[in-house]
């Protein structure tokens, strides 16, 4: 990627990083679906954390153990409890919903993030943010369609997971002012490991060699997805990165159709499109504010 950085402009390089993020997210979704047939959601999350601790531990050892120092352990605990809840809802949904529905409901995270920022951080709700919230809620209602069979416990679990992600993002924003990204990732994997281990012991199933590739894939892609997206955001504006992130939905629809014969839902597409429009309106408004 360093050679790419030298030969291409920042937005183009960001696009390459986003391709890596998209491939990682899709691989993580497929591996989560495959593992859900044999393992509980808690055990999948435990496997993910074990691999994450090893990978991040290697990076910390290379970069310096001074990165482990933090003055905000309580905030790390709050962030990781919320993030673990988000991960649980996401992986739980993979076992019972179509891949596309899980991704589409996850895209409500910016809605809840804006609300948490308003209530917890005192950030203002601009006209653009309110527009994004309204379109996001309408899009969510189209996807879930209350009073139909689509509104099931798995969908609610993914929605609750999106709320967990949103709260963890608010905590990440606060921590990023004092702690390095690698520090945040280290405490994420370390703290979440017992969250998955303890419930897993109640219904433990030893991993088989046949499932080992999926276990490795879910752990590696969980780290690579966030790393690639972080690099993309450093190189390009949100107006470039956010639309590419929404490419996850049509791409995962194709994957779901090819691997699991999942049908394409027109209501899901319409709801996701409204969310995309709302997010684009918001990020363009934020970009204009930065440039003014």
Protein backbone atom coordinates (compact mmCIF):
# COMPACT_ATOMS: atom_id res chain seq x y z
CA UNK A 1 0.00 0.00 0.00
CA UNK A 2 2.93 2.39 0.48
CA UNK A 3 3.77 2.14 -3.23
CA UNK A 4 0.13 2.89 -4.03
CA UNK A 5 0.28 5.96 -1.77
CA UNK A 6 3.22 7.27 -3.82
CA UNK A 7 1.66 6.68 -7.24
CA UNK A 8 -1.96 7.70 -6.70
CA UNK A 9 -3.83 10.66 -5.23
CA UNK A 10 -5.20 10.49 -1.68
CA UNK A 11 -8.85 9.82 -2.72
CA UNK A 12 -7.78 7.00 -5.04
CA UNK A 13 -5.59 5.48 -2.35
CA UNK A 14 -8.50 5.79 0.09
CA UNK A 15 -10.63 3.88 -2.41
CA UNK A 16 -8.09 1.04 -2.38
CA UNK A 17 -8.23 0.93 1.42
CA UNK A 18 -12.04 0.91 1.28
CA UNK A 19 -11.94 -2.05 -1.10
CA UNK A 20 -9.93 -3.84 1.57
CA UNK A 21 -12.51 -2.83 4.20
CA UNK A 22 -15.43 -4.00 2.05
CA UNK A 23 -13.80 -7.37 1.36
CA UNK A 24 -13.01 -7.75 5.07
CA UNK A 25 -16.57 -6.93 6.18
CA UNK A 26 -18.05 -9.38 3.68
CA UNK A 27 -15.62 -12.13 4.65
CA UNK A 28 -16.40 -11.51 8.34
CA UNK A 29 -20.15 -11.77 7.65
CA UNK A 30 -19.78 -15.03 5.73
CA UNK A 31 -17.46 -16.57 8.34
CA UNK A 32 -19.86 -15.49 11.09
CA UNK A 33 -22.74 -17.16 9.24
CA UNK A 34 -20.75 -20.39 8.78
CA UNK A 35 -19.67 -20.50 12.42
CA UNK A 36 -23.20 -19.81 13.70
CA UNK A 37 -24.29 -23.26 12.53
CA UNK A 38 -22.01 -24.93 15.10
CA UNK A 39 -21.15 -22.36 17.76
CA UNK A 40 -23.02 -19.91 19.96
CA UNK A 41 -22.68 -16.18 19.38
CA UNK A 42 -20.68 -15.84 22.60
CA UNK A 43 -18.21 -18.48 21.45
CA UNK A 44 -17.76 -16.80 18.06
CA UNK A 45 -17.01 -13.53 19.83
CA UNK A 46 -14.54 -15.32 22.11
CA UNK A 47 -12.69 -16.76 19.10
CA UNK A 48 -12.64 -13.30 17.55
CA UNK A 49 -11.16 -11.76 20.69
CA UNK A 50 -8.46 -14.43 21.08
CA UNK A 51 -7.19 -13.84 17.56
CA UNK A 52 -7.50 -10.09 18.06
CA UNK A 53 -5.42 -10.16 21.25
CA UNK A 54 -2.66 -12.08 19.45
CA UNK A 55 -2.63 -9.74 16.43
CA UNK A 56 -2.80 -6.52 18.43
CA UNK A 57 -0.30 -7.88 20.96
CA UNK A 58 2.23 -8.40 18.14
CA UNK A 59 1.67 -4.83 16.93
CA UNK A 60 2.02 -3.41 20.45
CA UNK A 61 5.24 -5.38 21.00
CA UNK A 62 6.59 -3.92 17.76
CA UNK A 63 5.42 -0.35 18.41
CA UNK A 64 6.26 -0.20 22.13
CA UNK A 65 4.57 -1.24 25.37
CA UNK A 66 4.25 2.43 26.31
CA UNK A 67 1.07 2.35 24.21
CA UNK A 68 -0.60 0.29 26.95
CA UNK A 69 -0.65 3.28 29.30
CA UNK A 70 -4.01 4.95 29.71
CA UNK A 71 -5.64 7.25 32.22
CA UNK A 72 -9.16 6.27 31.19
CA UNK A 73 -9.74 2.63 32.09
CA UNK A 74 -13.33 3.32 33.14
CA UNK A 75 -14.09 4.86 29.77
CA UNK A 76 -12.49 1.86 28.05
CA UNK A 77 -14.76 -0.46 30.04
CA UNK A 78 -17.85 1.55 29.06
CA UNK A 79 -16.80 1.56 25.42
CA UNK A 80 -16.15 -2.17 25.32
CA UNK A 81 -19.32 -3.19 27.09
CA UNK A 82 -21.27 -1.23 24.48
CA UNK A 83 -19.13 -2.48 21.59
CA UNK A 84 -19.47 -6.09 22.74
CA UNK A 85 -23.25 -5.61 22.77
CA UNK A 86 -23.03 -4.28 19.23
CA UNK A 87 -20.96 -7.24 18.12
CA UNK A 88 -23.32 -9.69 19.81
CA UNK A 89 -26.37 -8.26 18.06
CA UNK A 90 -24.57 -8.26 14.69
CA UNK A 91 -23.34 -11.86 14.88
CA UNK A 92 -26.60 -13.10 16.40
CA UNK A 93 -28.49 -11.59 13.48
CA UNK A 94 -26.25 -13.36 10.97
CA UNK A 95 -27.61 -16.70 12.16
CA UNK A 96 -31.27 -15.82 11.54
CA UNK A 97 -31.51 -12.98 9.00
CA UNK A 98 -30.29 -12.48 5.47
CA UNK A 99 -26.83 -11.00 5.20
CA UNK A 100 -28.27 -7.90 3.51
CA UNK A 101 -30.81 -7.27 6.27
CA UNK A 102 -28.10 -7.39 8.94
CA UNK A 103 -25.95 -4.88 7.06
CA UNK A 104 -28.91 -2.60 6.32
CA UNK A 105 -30.03 -2.43 9.96
CA UNK A 106 -26.41 -1.84 11.01
CA UNK A 107 -26.43 1.27 8.81
CA UNK A 108 -28.75 2.94 11.34
CA UNK A 109 -25.69 3.41 13.58
CA UNK A 110 -25.08 7.03 12.39
CA UNK A 111 -28.64 7.90 13.49
CA UNK A 112 -28.06 6.75 17.06
CA UNK A 113 -24.54 8.21 17.09
CA UNK A 114 -25.94 11.67 16.29
CA UNK A 115 -28.52 11.35 19.06
CA UNK A 116 -25.93 10.19 21.61
CA UNK A 117 -23.65 13.05 20.57
CA UNK A 118 -26.52 15.47 21.12
CA UNK A 119 -27.48 14.18 24.56
CA UNK A 120 -24.03 13.17 25.91
CA UNK A 121 -21.59 15.55 24.21
CA UNK A 122 -23.84 18.54 23.68
CA UNK A 123 -23.29 18.58 19.91
CA UNK A 124 -25.88 20.57 17.99
CA UNK A 125 -28.46 18.94 15.76
CA UNK A 126 -28.15 20.92 12.53
CA UNK A 127 -30.77 20.89 9.78
CA UNK A 128 -28.64 18.38 7.84
CA UNK A 129 -28.34 16.08 10.86
CA UNK A 130 -32.07 16.25 11.55
CA UNK A 131 -32.74 15.44 7.88
CA UNK A 132 -30.41 12.45 8.11
CA UNK A 133 -32.17 11.29 11.30
CA UNK A 134 -35.63 11.54 9.76
CA UNK A 135 -34.64 9.77 6.54
CA UNK A 136 -32.79 7.14 8.57
CA UNK A 137 -35.81 6.39 10.75
CA UNK A 138 -38.10 6.18 7.71
CA UNK A 139 -35.59 3.88 6.04
CA UNK A 140 -35.46 1.69 9.14
CA UNK A 141 -39.26 1.43 9.22
CA UNK A 142 -39.26 0.35 5.57
CA UNK A 143 -36.70 -2.36 6.32
CA UNK A 144 -38.32 -3.68 9.50
CA UNK A 145 -41.92 -2.98 8.45
CA UNK A 146 -43.53 -3.19 11.93
CA UNK A 147 -46.58 -5.45 12.15
CA UNK A 148 -45.08 -7.86 9.59
CA UNK A 149 -43.11 -11.03 10.19
CA UNK A 150 -39.92 -9.15 9.32
CA UNK A 151 -39.94 -7.64 12.81
CA UNK A 152 -38.47 -10.56 14.72
CA UNK A 153 -36.13 -10.94 17.70
CA UNK A 154 -33.07 -11.25 15.47
CA UNK A 155 -33.85 -7.95 13.73
CA UNK A 156 -34.34 -6.28 17.10
CA UNK A 157 -31.03 -7.75 18.28
CA UNK A 158 -29.20 -6.21 15.31
CA UNK A 159 -30.96 -2.90 15.96
CA UNK A 160 -29.90 -3.02 19.61
CA UNK A 161 -26.41 -3.83 18.36
CA UNK A 162 -26.45 -0.66 16.24
CA UNK A 163 -27.25 1.30 19.41
CA UNK A 164 -24.31 -0.39 21.12
CA UNK A 165 -22.02 0.54 18.24
CA UNK A 166 -23.23 4.16 18.38
CA UNK A 167 -22.47 4.50 22.10
CA UNK A 168 -19.05 2.90 21.63
CA UNK A 169 -18.27 5.39 18.83
CA UNK A 170 -19.04 8.27 21.19
CA UNK A 171 -16.63 6.82 23.75
CA UNK A 172 -14.04 6.25 21.01
CA UNK A 173 -14.29 9.90 20.05
CA UNK A 174 -13.58 10.90 23.64
CA UNK A 175 -10.69 8.45 24.00
CA UNK A 176 -9.05 9.37 20.70
CA UNK A 177 -8.00 12.70 22.15
CA UNK A 178 -5.64 11.03 24.64
CA UNK A 179 -5.14 7.38 23.60
CA UNK A 180 -3.59 6.05 20.39
CA UNK A 181 -5.77 3.93 18.05
CA UNK A 182 -3.63 0.88 18.84
CA UNK A 183 -4.22 1.45 22.56
CA UNK A 184 -7.98 1.52 22.01
CA UNK A 185 -7.84 -1.66 19.90
CA UNK A 186 -5.68 -3.45 22.48
CA UNK A 187 -8.06 -2.78 25.34
CA UNK A 188 -10.98 -3.66 23.07
CA UNK A 189 -9.70 -7.16 22.37
CA UNK A 190 -8.39 -7.75 25.90
CA UNK A 191 -11.49 -6.57 27.77
CA UNK A 192 -13.95 -8.28 25.46
CA UNK A 193 -12.21 -11.65 25.70
CA UNK A 194 -13.75 -12.61 29.10
CA UNK A 195 -17.12 -11.21 27.96
CA UNK A 196 -17.22 -13.99 25.38
CA UNK A 197 -15.38 -16.68 27.36
CA UNK A 198 -17.51 -16.86 30.52
CA UNK A 199 -20.90 -17.43 28.77
CA UNK A 200 -19.21 -19.78 26.28
CA UNK A 201 -18.10 -22.13 29.08
CA UNK A 202 -21.76 -22.83 29.89
CA UNK A 203 -22.25 -24.42 26.47
CA UNK A 204 -18.71 -25.03 25.24
CA UNK A 205 -17.97 -26.80 22.00
CA UNK A 206 -14.35 -27.40 21.11
CA UNK A 207 -13.38 -25.98 17.72
CA UNK A 208 -12.88 -28.55 15.01
CA UNK A 209 -10.12 -28.46 12.41
CA UNK A 210 -12.78 -28.11 9.72
CA UNK A 211 -14.00 -24.87 11.31
CA UNK A 212 -10.53 -23.48 12.00
CA UNK A 213 -10.27 -21.55 8.69
CA UNK A 214 -13.56 -19.77 9.48
CA UNK A 215 -12.40 -19.03 13.04
CA UNK A 216 -9.16 -17.51 11.77
CA UNK A 217 -11.02 -15.57 9.08
CA UNK A 218 -13.54 -14.02 11.49
CA UNK A 219 -10.75 -12.86 13.79
CA UNK A 220 -8.40 -11.52 11.12
CA UNK A 221 -11.07 -9.71 9.10
CA UNK A 222 -12.51 -8.10 12.24
CA UNK A 223 -9.17 -6.33 12.68
CA UNK A 224 -8.41 -5.68 8.99
CA UNK A 225 -11.86 -4.15 8.30
CA UNK A 226 -11.46 -1.43 10.92
CA UNK A 227 -7.81 -0.85 10.07
CA UNK A 228 -8.56 -0.36 6.36
CA UNK A 229 -11.47 1.97 7.08
CA UNK A 230 -9.38 4.03 9.48
CA UNK A 231 -6.70 4.46 6.81
CA UNK A 232 -9.35 5.47 4.27
CA UNK A 233 -10.80 8.15 6.57
CA UNK A 234 -7.29 9.56 7.13
CA UNK A 235 -6.78 9.96 3.38
CA UNK A 236 -10.16 11.20 2.16
CA UNK A 237 -13.26 13.10 3.25
CA UNK A 238 -16.33 11.35 4.56
CA UNK A 239 -18.08 12.29 1.30
CA UNK A 240 -15.75 9.82 -0.41
CA UNK A 241 -15.64 7.08 2.22
CA UNK A 242 -19.31 6.90 3.31
CA UNK A 243 -20.78 6.16 -0.17
CA UNK A 244 -18.18 3.41 -0.62
CA UNK A 245 -19.10 1.93 2.75
CA UNK A 246 -22.72 1.72 1.59
CA UNK A 247 -21.49 -0.47 -1.28
CA UNK A 248 -21.42 -3.21 1.36
CA UNK A 249 -25.17 -3.62 0.93
CA UNK A 250 -25.41 -4.42 -2.80
CA UNK A 251 -22.21 -6.46 -2.59
CA UNK A 252 -23.45 -8.52 0.38
CA UNK A 253 -26.74 -9.03 -1.48
CA UNK A 254 -24.79 -10.64 -4.30
CA UNK A 255 -22.82 -12.77 -1.85
CA UNK A 256 -26.01 -13.81 -0.04
CA UNK A 257 -27.66 -14.77 -3.32
CA UNK A 258 -24.68 -16.76 -4.61
CA UNK A 259 -23.84 -18.58 -1.37
CA UNK A 260 -27.19 -18.89 0.39
CA UNK A 261 -29.80 -18.22 -2.31
CA UNK A 262 -31.10 -15.20 -0.37
CA UNK A 263 -33.66 -13.14 -2.29
CA UNK A 264 -33.40 -9.38 -2.82
CA UNK A 265 -36.00 -7.37 -0.87
CA UNK A 266 -37.22 -4.16 -2.57
CA UNK A 267 -38.24 -2.67 0.80
CA UNK A 268 -34.75 -3.24 2.15
CA UNK A 269 -33.24 -1.52 -0.89
CA UNK A 270 -35.60 1.45 -0.56
CA UNK A 271 -34.87 1.83 3.16
CA UNK A 272 -31.12 1.60 2.67
CA UNK A 273 -31.29 4.18 -0.13
CA UNK A 274 -33.04 6.66 2.19
CA UNK A 275 -30.32 6.08 4.81
CA UNK A 276 -27.63 6.68 2.20
CA UNK A 277 -29.25 9.92 1.04
CA UNK A 278 -29.55 11.13 4.63
CA UNK A 279 -25.93 10.34 5.39
CA UNK A 280 -24.72 12.04 2.22
CA UNK A 281 -26.67 15.20 3.04
CA UNK A 282 -25.11 15.22 6.50
CA UNK A 283 -21.51 14.57 5.47
CA UNK A 284 -21.67 17.16 2.67
CA UNK A 285 -22.98 19.74 5.15
CA UNK A 286 -20.19 18.88 7.59
CA UNK A 287 -17.61 19.17 4.80
CA UNK A 288 -18.91 22.61 3.79
CA UNK A 289 -18.67 23.69 7.43
CA UNK A 290 -15.03 22.59 7.59
CA UNK A 291 -14.17 24.37 4.34
CA UNK A 292 -15.89 27.64 5.28
